[in-house]
PDB file of N, CA and C in Angstrom:
ATOM      1  N   MET A   1       0.906  -1.241  -0.015  1.00  0.00           N
ATOM      2  CA  MET A   1      -0.038   0.035   0.029  1.00  0.00           C
ATOM      3  C   MET A   1       0.875   1.263   0.064  1.00  0.00           C
ATOM      4  N   THR A   2       0.625   2.199  -0.909  1.00  0.00           N
ATOM      5  CA  THR A   2       1.486   3.404  -1.044  1.00  0.00           C
ATOM      6  C   THR A   2       0.813   4.613  -0.519  1.00  0.00           C
ATOM      7  N   ASP A   3       1.496   5.555  -0.277  1.00  0.00           N
ATOM      8  CA  ASP A   3       0.791   6.931   0.288  1.00  0.00           C
ATOM      9  C   ASP A   3      -0.059   7.381  -0.840  1.00  0.00           C
ATOM     10  N   GLU A   4       0.383   7.228  -2.089  1.00  0.00           N
ATOM     11  CA  GLU A   4      -0.524   7.783  -3.075  1.00  0.00           C
ATOM     12  C   GLU A   4      -1.831   7.019  -3.099  1.00  0.00           C
ATOM     13  N   THR A   5      -1.833   5.874  -2.913  1.00  0.00           N
ATOM     14  CA  THR A   5      -3.217   5.019  -2.841  1.00  0.00           C
ATOM     15  C   THR A   5      -4.084   5.590  -1.519  1.00  0.00           C
ATOM     16  N   VAL A   6      -3.423   5.755  -0.536  1.00  0.00           N
ATOM     17  CA  VAL A   6      -4.171   6.173   0.630  1.00  0.00           C
ATOM     18  C   VAL A   6      -4.659   7.643   0.343  1.00  0.00           C
ATOM     19  N   ALA A   7      -4.108   8.429  -0.460  1.00  0.00           N
ATOM     20  CA  ALA A   7      -4.472   9.819  -0.748  1.00  0.00           C
ATOM     21  C   ALA A   7      -5.729   9.620  -1.606  1.00  0.00           C
ATOM     22  N   ARG A   8      -5.590   8.676  -2.578  1.00  0.00           N
ATOM     23  CA  ARG A   8      -6.704   8.304  -3.638  1.00  0.00           C
ATOM     24  C   ARG A   8      -7.968   8.057  -2.736  1.00  0.00           C
ATOM     25  N   VAL A   9      -7.847   7.133  -1.799  1.00  0.00           N
ATOM     26  CA  VAL A   9      -8.763   6.671  -0.999  1.00  0.00           C
ATOM     27  C   VAL A   9      -9.392   7.779  -0.182  1.00  0.00           C
ATOM     28  N   ILE A  10      -8.679   8.648   0.379  1.00  0.00           N
ATOM     29  CA  ILE A  10      -9.213   9.726   1.151  1.00  0.00           C
ATOM     30  C   ILE A  10      -9.987  10.638   0.172  1.00  0.00           C
ATOM     31  N   ALA A  11      -9.469  10.881  -0.897  1.00  0.00           N
ATOM     32  CA  ALA A  11     -10.288  11.707  -1.845  1.00  0.00           C
ATOM     33  C   ALA A  11     -11.586  11.063  -2.173  1.00  0.00           C
ATOM     34  N   MET A  12     -11.700   9.743  -2.375  1.00  0.00           N
ATOM     35  CA  MET A  12     -12.860   9.075  -2.821  1.00  0.00           C
ATOM     36  C   MET A  12     -13.721   9.257  -1.645  1.00  0.00           C
ATOM     37  N   ILE A  13     -13.373   9.038  -0.336  1.00  0.00           N
ATOM     38  CA  ILE A  13     -14.163   9.319   0.828  1.00  0.00           C
ATOM     39  C   ILE A  13     -14.776  10.676   0.910  1.00  0.00           C
ATOM     40  N   ASN A  14     -13.820  11.643   0.584  1.00  0.00           N
ATOM     41  CA  ASN A  14     -14.390  13.067   0.533  1.00  0.00           C
ATOM     42  C   ASN A  14     -15.474  13.289  -0.511  1.00  0.00           C
ATOM     43  N   ARG A  15     -15.342  12.638  -1.668  1.00  0.00           N
ATOM     44  CA  ARG A  15     -16.323  12.589  -2.762  1.00  0.00           C
ATOM     45  C   ARG A  15     -17.587  11.882  -2.268  1.00  0.00           C
ATOM     46  N   ALA A  16     -17.387  10.617  -1.599  1.00  0.00           N
ATOM     47  CA  ALA A  16     -18.681  10.017  -1.246  1.00  0.00           C
ATOM     48  C   ALA A  16     -19.496  10.713  -0.190  1.00  0.00           C
ATOM     49  N   LEU A  17     -18.733  11.598   0.597  1.00  0.00           N
ATOM     50  CA  LEU A  17     -19.437  12.347   1.684  1.00  0.00           C
ATOM     51  C   LEU A  17     -19.870  13.718   1.180  1.00  0.00           C
ATOM     52  N   ASP A  18     -19.406  14.126  -0.040  1.00  0.00           N
ATOM     53  CA  ASP A  18     -19.729  15.388  -0.684  1.00  0.00           C
ATOM     54  C   ASP A  18     -19.221  16.526   0.097  1.00  0.00           C
ATOM     55  N   ALA A  19     -18.259  16.265   0.963  1.00  0.00           N
ATOM     56  CA  ALA A  19     -17.568  17.262   1.844  1.00  0.00           C
ATOM     57  C   ALA A  19     -16.343  16.716   2.394  1.00  0.00           C
ATOM     58  N   PRO A  20     -15.339  17.836   2.421  1.00  0.00           N
ATOM     59  CA  PRO A  20     -14.053  17.303   2.826  1.00  0.00           C
ATOM     60  C   PRO A  20     -13.970  16.993   4.287  1.00  0.00           C
ATOM     61  N   VAL A  21     -13.283  15.959   4.712  1.00  0.00           N
ATOM     62  CA  VAL A  21     -12.995  15.506   5.991  1.00  0.00           C
ATOM     63  C   VAL A  21     -11.578  15.760   6.386  1.00  0.00           C
ATOM     64  N   GLU A  22     -11.304  16.430   7.444  1.00  0.00           N
ATOM     65  CA  GLU A  22      -9.925  16.748   7.817  1.00  0.00           C
ATOM     66  C   GLU A  22      -9.331  15.648   8.628  1.00  0.00           C
ATOM     67  N   ASN A  23      -8.107  15.522   8.810  1.00  0.00           N
ATOM     68  CA  ASN A  23      -7.339  14.750   9.621  1.00  0.00           C
ATOM     69  C   ASN A  23      -7.600  13.247   9.466  1.00  0.00           C
ATOM     70  N   LEU A  24      -7.808  12.794   8.247  1.00  0.00           N
ATOM     71  CA  LEU A  24      -7.882  11.398   8.025  1.00  0.00           C
ATOM     72  C   LEU A  24      -6.514  10.807   7.633  1.00  0.00           C
ATOM     73  N   SER A  25      -6.277   9.590   8.083  1.00  0.00           N
ATOM     74  CA  SER A  25      -4.970   8.948   7.805  1.00  0.00           C
ATOM     75  C   SER A  25      -5.282   7.491   7.631  1.00  0.00           C
ATOM     76  N   ALA A  26      -4.215   6.818   7.162  1.00  0.00           N
ATOM     77  CA  ALA A  26      -4.331   5.444   6.838  1.00  0.00           C
ATOM     78  C   ALA A  26      -5.061   4.485   7.946  1.00  0.00           C
ATOM     79  N   ASP A  27      -4.723   5.067   9.249  1.00  0.00           N
ATOM     80  CA  ASP A  27      -5.318   4.194  10.466  1.00  0.00           C
ATOM     81  C   ASP A  27      -6.695   4.717  10.742  1.00  0.00           C
ATOM     82  N   SER A  28      -7.324   5.708  10.187  1.00  0.00           N
ATOM     83  CA  SER A  28      -8.708   6.088  10.436  1.00  0.00           C
ATOM     84  C   SER A  28      -9.634   5.097  10.179  1.00  0.00           C
ATOM     85  N   ARG A  29     -10.547   4.839  11.178  1.00  0.00           N
ATOM     86  CA  ARG A  29     -11.590   3.786  11.023  1.00  0.00           C
ATOM     87  C   ARG A  29     -12.676   4.309  10.231  1.00  0.00           C
ATOM     88  N   VAL A  30     -13.103   3.809   9.129  1.00  0.00           N
ATOM     89  CA  VAL A  30     -14.078   4.111   8.142  1.00  0.00           C
ATOM     90  C   VAL A  30     -15.350   4.496   8.902  1.00  0.00           C
ATOM     91  N   LEU A  31     -15.796   3.573   9.688  1.00  0.00           N
ATOM     92  CA  LEU A  31     -17.347   3.763  10.082  1.00  0.00           C
ATOM     93  C   LEU A  31     -17.397   4.715  11.297  1.00  0.00           C
ATOM     94  N   GLU A  32     -16.145   5.223  11.699  1.00  0.00           N
ATOM     95  CA  GLU A  32     -16.136   6.336  12.632  1.00  0.00           C
ATOM     96  C   GLU A  32     -15.975   7.664  12.066  1.00  0.00           C
ATOM     97  N   ILE A  33     -15.825   7.913  10.815  1.00  0.00           N
ATOM     98  CA  ILE A  33     -15.717   9.139  10.035  1.00  0.00           C
ATOM     99  C   ILE A  33     -17.034   9.778  10.193  1.00  0.00           C
ATOM    100  N   SER A  34     -17.157  11.039  10.484  1.00  0.00           N
ATOM    101  CA  SER A  34     -18.316  11.747  10.800  1.00  0.00           C
ATOM    102  C   SER A  34     -19.134  11.850   9.458  1.00  0.00           C
ATOM    103  N   GLY A  35     -20.342  11.478   9.489  1.00  0.00           N
ATOM    104  CA  GLY A  35     -21.276  11.570   8.412  1.00  0.00           C
ATOM    105  C   GLY A  35     -21.139  10.389   7.440  1.00  0.00           C
ATOM    106  N   PHE A  36     -20.239   9.384   7.577  1.00  0.00           N
ATOM    107  CA  PHE A  36     -20.200   8.251   6.867  1.00  0.00           C
ATOM    108  C   PHE A  36     -21.201   7.335   7.165  1.00  0.00           C
ATOM    109  N   ASP A  37     -22.238   7.254   6.255  1.00  0.00           N
ATOM    110  CA  ASP A  37     -23.418   6.239   6.347  1.00  0.00           C
ATOM    111  C   ASP A  37     -23.472   5.372   5.188  1.00  0.00           C
ATOM    112  N   SER A  38     -24.510   4.508   5.104  1.00  0.00           N
ATOM    113  CA  SER A  38     -24.603   3.607   4.137  1.00  0.00           C
ATOM    114  C   SER A  38     -24.735   4.233   2.741  1.00  0.00           C
ATOM    115  N   LEU A  39     -25.207   5.192   2.536  1.00  0.00           N
ATOM    116  CA  LEU A  39     -25.179   5.974   1.305  1.00  0.00           C
ATOM    117  C   LEU A  39     -23.771   6.309   0.835  1.00  0.00           C
ATOM    118  N   ALA A  40     -22.991   6.842   1.827  1.00  0.00           N
ATOM    119  CA  ALA A  40     -21.525   7.122   1.524  1.00  0.00           C
ATOM    120  C   ALA A  40     -20.764   5.998   1.156  1.00  0.00           C
ATOM    121  N   MET A  41     -21.143   4.879   1.950  1.00  0.00           N
ATOM    122  CA  MET A  41     -20.446   3.489   1.679  1.00  0.00           C
ATOM    123  C   MET A  41     -20.802   3.067   0.328  1.00  0.00           C
ATOM    124  N   GLU A  42     -22.161   3.094  -0.161  1.00  0.00           N
ATOM    125  CA  GLU A  42     -22.434   2.803  -1.442  1.00  0.00           C
ATOM    126  C   GLU A  42     -21.640   3.692  -2.598  1.00  0.00           C
ATOM    127  N   ARG A  43     -21.555   4.942  -2.258  1.00  0.00           N
ATOM    128  CA  ARG A  43     -20.794   5.784  -3.234  1.00  0.00           C
ATOM    129  C   ARG A  43     -19.374   5.428  -3.352  1.00  0.00           C
ATOM    130  N   LEU A  44     -18.755   5.137  -2.064  1.00  0.00           N
ATOM    131  CA  LEU A  44     -17.265   4.612  -2.130  1.00  0.00           C
ATOM    132  C   LEU A  44     -17.253   3.448  -2.816  1.00  0.00           C
ATOM    133  N   ALA A  45     -18.026   2.435  -2.552  1.00  0.00           N
ATOM    134  CA  ALA A  45     -17.993   1.136  -3.264  1.00  0.00           C
ATOM    135  C   ALA A  45     -17.983   1.332  -4.836  1.00  0.00           C
ATOM    136  N   ALA A  46     -18.879   2.074  -5.166  1.00  0.00           N
ATOM    137  CA  ALA A  46     -19.061   2.456  -6.716  1.00  0.00           C
ATOM    138  C   ALA A  46     -17.681   3.100  -7.152  1.00  0.00           C
ATOM    139  N   GLU A  47     -17.210   4.053  -6.570  1.00  0.00           N
ATOM    140  CA  GLU A  47     -16.013   4.741  -6.979  1.00  0.00           C
ATOM    141  C   GLU A  47     -14.725   3.808  -6.944  1.00  0.00           C
ATOM    142  N   LEU A  48     -14.673   3.020  -5.960  1.00  0.00           N
ATOM    143  CA  LEU A  48     -13.661   1.886  -5.874  1.00  0.00           C
ATOM    144  C   LEU A  48     -13.541   1.033  -7.249  1.00  0.00           C
ATOM    145  N   GLY A  49     -14.827   0.619  -7.503  1.00  0.00           N
ATOM    146  CA  GLY A  49     -15.132  -0.185  -8.707  1.00  0.00           C
ATOM    147  C   GLY A  49     -14.759   0.580  -9.909  1.00  0.00           C
ATOM    148  N   GLU A  50     -15.226   1.678 -10.110  1.00  0.00           N
ATOM    149  CA  GLU A  50     -14.759   2.541 -11.251  1.00  0.00           C
ATOM    150  C   GLU A  50     -13.238   2.520 -11.361  1.00  0.00           C
ATOM    151  N   ALA A  51     -12.529   2.872 -10.152  1.00  0.00           N
ATOM    152  CA  ALA A  51     -11.149   2.975 -10.228  1.00  0.00           C
ATOM    153  C   ALA A  51     -10.401   1.750 -10.720  1.00  0.00           C
ATOM    154  N   ARG A  52     -10.884   0.580 -10.338  1.00  0.00           N
ATOM    155  CA  ARG A  52     -10.236  -0.608 -10.872  1.00  0.00           C
ATOM    156  C   ARG A  52     -10.794  -1.233 -12.085  1.00  0.00           C
ATOM    157  N   GLY A  53     -11.826  -0.580 -12.584  1.00  0.00           N
ATOM    158  CA  GLY A  53     -12.450  -1.110 -13.881  1.00  0.00           C
ATOM    159  C   GLY A  53     -13.553  -2.175 -13.758  1.00  0.00           C
ATOM    160  N   GLY A  54     -14.141  -2.298 -12.596  1.00  0.00           N
ATOM    161  CA  GLY A  54     -15.094  -3.438 -12.325  1.00  0.00           C
ATOM    162  C   GLY A  54     -15.614  -3.274 -10.963  1.00  0.00           C
ATOM    163  N   GLU A  55     -16.391  -4.218 -10.601  1.00  0.00           N
ATOM    164  CA  GLU A  55     -16.863  -4.200  -9.208  1.00  0.00           C
ATOM    165  C   GLU A  55     -15.788  -4.728  -8.171  1.00  0.00           C
ATOM    166  N   VAL A  56     -16.107  -4.246  -7.032  1.00  0.00           N
ATOM    167  CA  VAL A  56     -15.242  -4.528  -5.879  1.00  0.00           C
ATOM    168  C   VAL A  56     -15.704  -5.834  -5.153  1.00  0.00           C
ATOM    169  N   ASN A  57     -14.867  -6.801  -4.823  1.00  0.00           N
ATOM    170  CA  ASN A  57     -15.385  -7.883  -4.194  1.00  0.00           C
ATOM    171  C   ASN A  57     -16.340  -7.506  -2.904  1.00  0.00           C
ATOM    172  N   PRO A  58     -17.540  -7.713  -2.872  1.00  0.00           N
ATOM    173  CA  PRO A  58     -18.315  -7.363  -1.633  1.00  0.00           C
ATOM    174  C   PRO A  58     -17.934  -8.010  -0.442  1.00  0.00           C
ATOM    175  N   LEU A  59     -17.434  -9.405  -0.576  1.00  0.00           N
ATOM    176  CA  LEU A  59     -17.043  -9.872   0.791  1.00  0.00           C
ATOM    177  C   LEU A  59     -15.631  -9.170   1.258  1.00  0.00           C
ATOM    178  N   ALA A  60     -14.980  -8.760   0.433  1.00  0.00           N
ATOM    179  CA  ALA A  60     -13.661  -8.188   0.923  1.00  0.00           C
ATOM    180  C   ALA A  60     -14.115  -6.707   1.340  1.00  0.00           C
ATOM    181  N   PHE A  61     -15.046  -6.022   0.657  1.00  0.00           N
ATOM    182  CA  PHE A  61     -15.378  -4.662   0.991  1.00  0.00           C
ATOM    183  C   PHE A  61     -15.957  -4.699   2.435  1.00  0.00           C
ATOM    184  N   ALA A  62     -16.787  -5.786   2.757  1.00  0.00           N
ATOM    185  CA  ALA A  62     -17.429  -5.807   4.093  1.00  0.00           C
ATOM    186  C   ALA A  62     -16.445  -6.021   5.178  1.00  0.00           C
ATOM    187  N   GLN A  63     -15.231  -6.461   4.877  1.00  0.00           N
ATOM    188  CA  GLN A  63     -14.308  -6.715   6.066  1.00  0.00           C
ATOM    189  C   GLN A  63     -13.475  -5.363   6.328  1.00  0.00           C
ATOM    190  N   VAL A  64     -13.574  -4.256   5.524  1.00  0.00           N
ATOM    191  CA  VAL A  64     -12.730  -3.230   5.550  1.00  0.00           C
ATOM    192  C   VAL A  64     -13.139  -2.442   6.989  1.00  0.00           C
ATOM    193  N   GLU A  65     -11.974  -2.015   7.558  1.00  0.00           N
ATOM    194  CA  GLU A  65     -12.149  -1.377   8.882  1.00  0.00           C
ATOM    195  C   GLU A  65     -11.606  -0.111   8.892  1.00  0.00           C
ATOM    196  N   THR A  66     -10.340   0.087   8.122  1.00  0.00           N
ATOM    197  CA  THR A  66      -9.541   1.330   8.098  1.00  0.00           C
ATOM    198  C   THR A  66      -9.312   1.818   6.539  1.00  0.00           C
ATOM    199  N   ILE A  67      -8.794   3.137   6.603  1.00  0.00           N
ATOM    200  CA  ILE A  67      -8.527   3.561   5.258  1.00  0.00           C
ATOM    201  C   ILE A  67      -7.409   2.672   4.580  1.00  0.00           C
ATOM    202  N   ARG A  68      -6.606   2.280   5.549  1.00  0.00           N
ATOM    203  CA  ARG A  68      -5.496   1.348   4.959  1.00  0.00           C
ATOM    204  C   ARG A  68      -5.996   0.191   4.448  1.00  0.00           C
ATOM    205  N   ASP A  69      -7.058  -0.494   5.051  1.00  0.00           N
ATOM    206  CA  ASP A  69      -7.670  -1.680   4.481  1.00  0.00           C
ATOM    207  C   ASP A  69      -8.256  -1.310   3.023  1.00  0.00           C
ATOM    208  N   LEU A  70      -8.872  -0.119   2.908  1.00  0.00           N
ATOM    209  CA  LEU A  70      -9.364   0.373   1.670  1.00  0.00           C
ATOM    210  C   LEU A  70      -8.277   0.440   0.654  1.00  0.00           C
ATOM    211  N   ALA A  71      -7.132   1.019   1.016  1.00  0.00           N
ATOM    212  CA  ALA A  71      -6.015   1.233   0.023  1.00  0.00           C
ATOM    213  C   ALA A  71      -5.464  -0.135  -0.372  1.00  0.00           C
ATOM    214  N   ASP A  72      -5.308  -1.071   0.587  1.00  0.00           N
ATOM    215  CA  ASP A  72      -4.872  -2.391   0.325  1.00  0.00           C
ATOM    216  C   ASP A  72      -5.919  -3.146  -0.565  1.00  0.00           C
ATOM    217  N   LEU A  73      -7.283  -2.869  -0.361  1.00  0.00           N
ATOM    218  CA  LEU A  73      -8.160  -3.578  -1.211  1.00  0.00           C
ATOM    219  C   LEU A  73      -8.227  -3.036  -2.667  1.00  0.00           C
ATOM    220  N   LEU A  74      -7.946  -1.755  -2.851  1.00  0.00           N
ATOM    221  CA  LEU A  74      -7.848  -1.013  -4.041  1.00  0.00           C
ATOM    222  C   LEU A  74      -6.688  -1.527  -4.797  1.00  0.00           C
ATOM    223  N   GLU A  75      -5.506  -1.630  -4.115  1.00  0.00           N
ATOM    224  CA  GLU A  75      -4.245  -2.149  -4.876  1.00  0.00           C
ATOM    225  C   GLU A  75      -4.372  -3.634  -5.263  1.00  0.00           C
ATOM    226  N   ALA A  76      -5.100  -4.410  -4.314  1.00  0.00           N
ATOM    227  CA  ALA A  76      -5.254  -5.856  -4.642  1.00  0.00           C
ATOM    228  C   ALA A  76      -6.027  -5.990  -5.883  1.00  0.00           C
ATOM    229  N   GLU A  77      -7.308  -5.209  -5.848  1.00  0.00           N
ATOM    230  CA  GLU A  77      -8.245  -5.341  -6.754  1.00  0.00           C
ATOM    231  C   GLU A  77      -7.699  -4.861  -8.126  1.00  0.00           C
ATOM    232  N   SER A  78      -6.887  -3.822  -8.030  1.00  0.00           N
ATOM    233  CA  SER A  78      -6.303  -3.291  -9.341  1.00  0.00           C
ATOM    234  C   SER A  78      -5.379  -4.335  -9.906  1.00  0.00           C
ATOM    235  N   ARG A  79      -4.387  -5.020  -8.999  1.00  0.00           N
ATOM    236  CA  ARG A  79      -3.508  -5.977  -9.605  1.00  0.00           C
ATOM    237  C   ARG A  79      -4.299  -7.332 -10.128  1.00  0.00           C
ATOM    238  N   SER A  80      -5.365  -7.591  -9.592  1.00  0.00           N
ATOM    239  CA  SER A  80      -6.161  -8.759 -10.139  1.00  0.00           C
ATOM    240  C   SER A  80      -6.800  -8.475 -11.527  1.00  0.00           C
ATOM    241  N   ALA A  81      -7.120  -7.109 -11.629  1.00  0.00           N
ATOM    242  CA  ALA A  81      -7.797  -6.687 -12.845  1.00  0.00           C
ATOM    243  C   ALA A  81      -6.765  -6.628 -14.163  1.00  0.00           C
ATOM    244  N   SER A  82      -5.489  -6.604 -13.755  1.00  0.00           N
ATOM    245  CA  SER A  82      -4.470  -6.560 -14.799  1.00  0.00           C
ATOM    246  C   SER A  82      -4.292  -7.815 -15.471  1.00  0.00           C
TER     247      SER A  82
END
């Protein structure tokens, strides 16, 4: 997982929330982000899917806890799509 991927995921979260969230890091817990609800989760899943060129594995997505997990998922999904 790279810092660039973490930054991409944080940007995706900000778009999913339609507002910038400050002080997010790789260790931030996704479900503890203010305003992050099921709609934001759906938006994020859709954007992650678009970023990798297909759907995100829903079982893997359901196990995500931190932004680091999302970055790892994005990188893993991108590698498997290649």
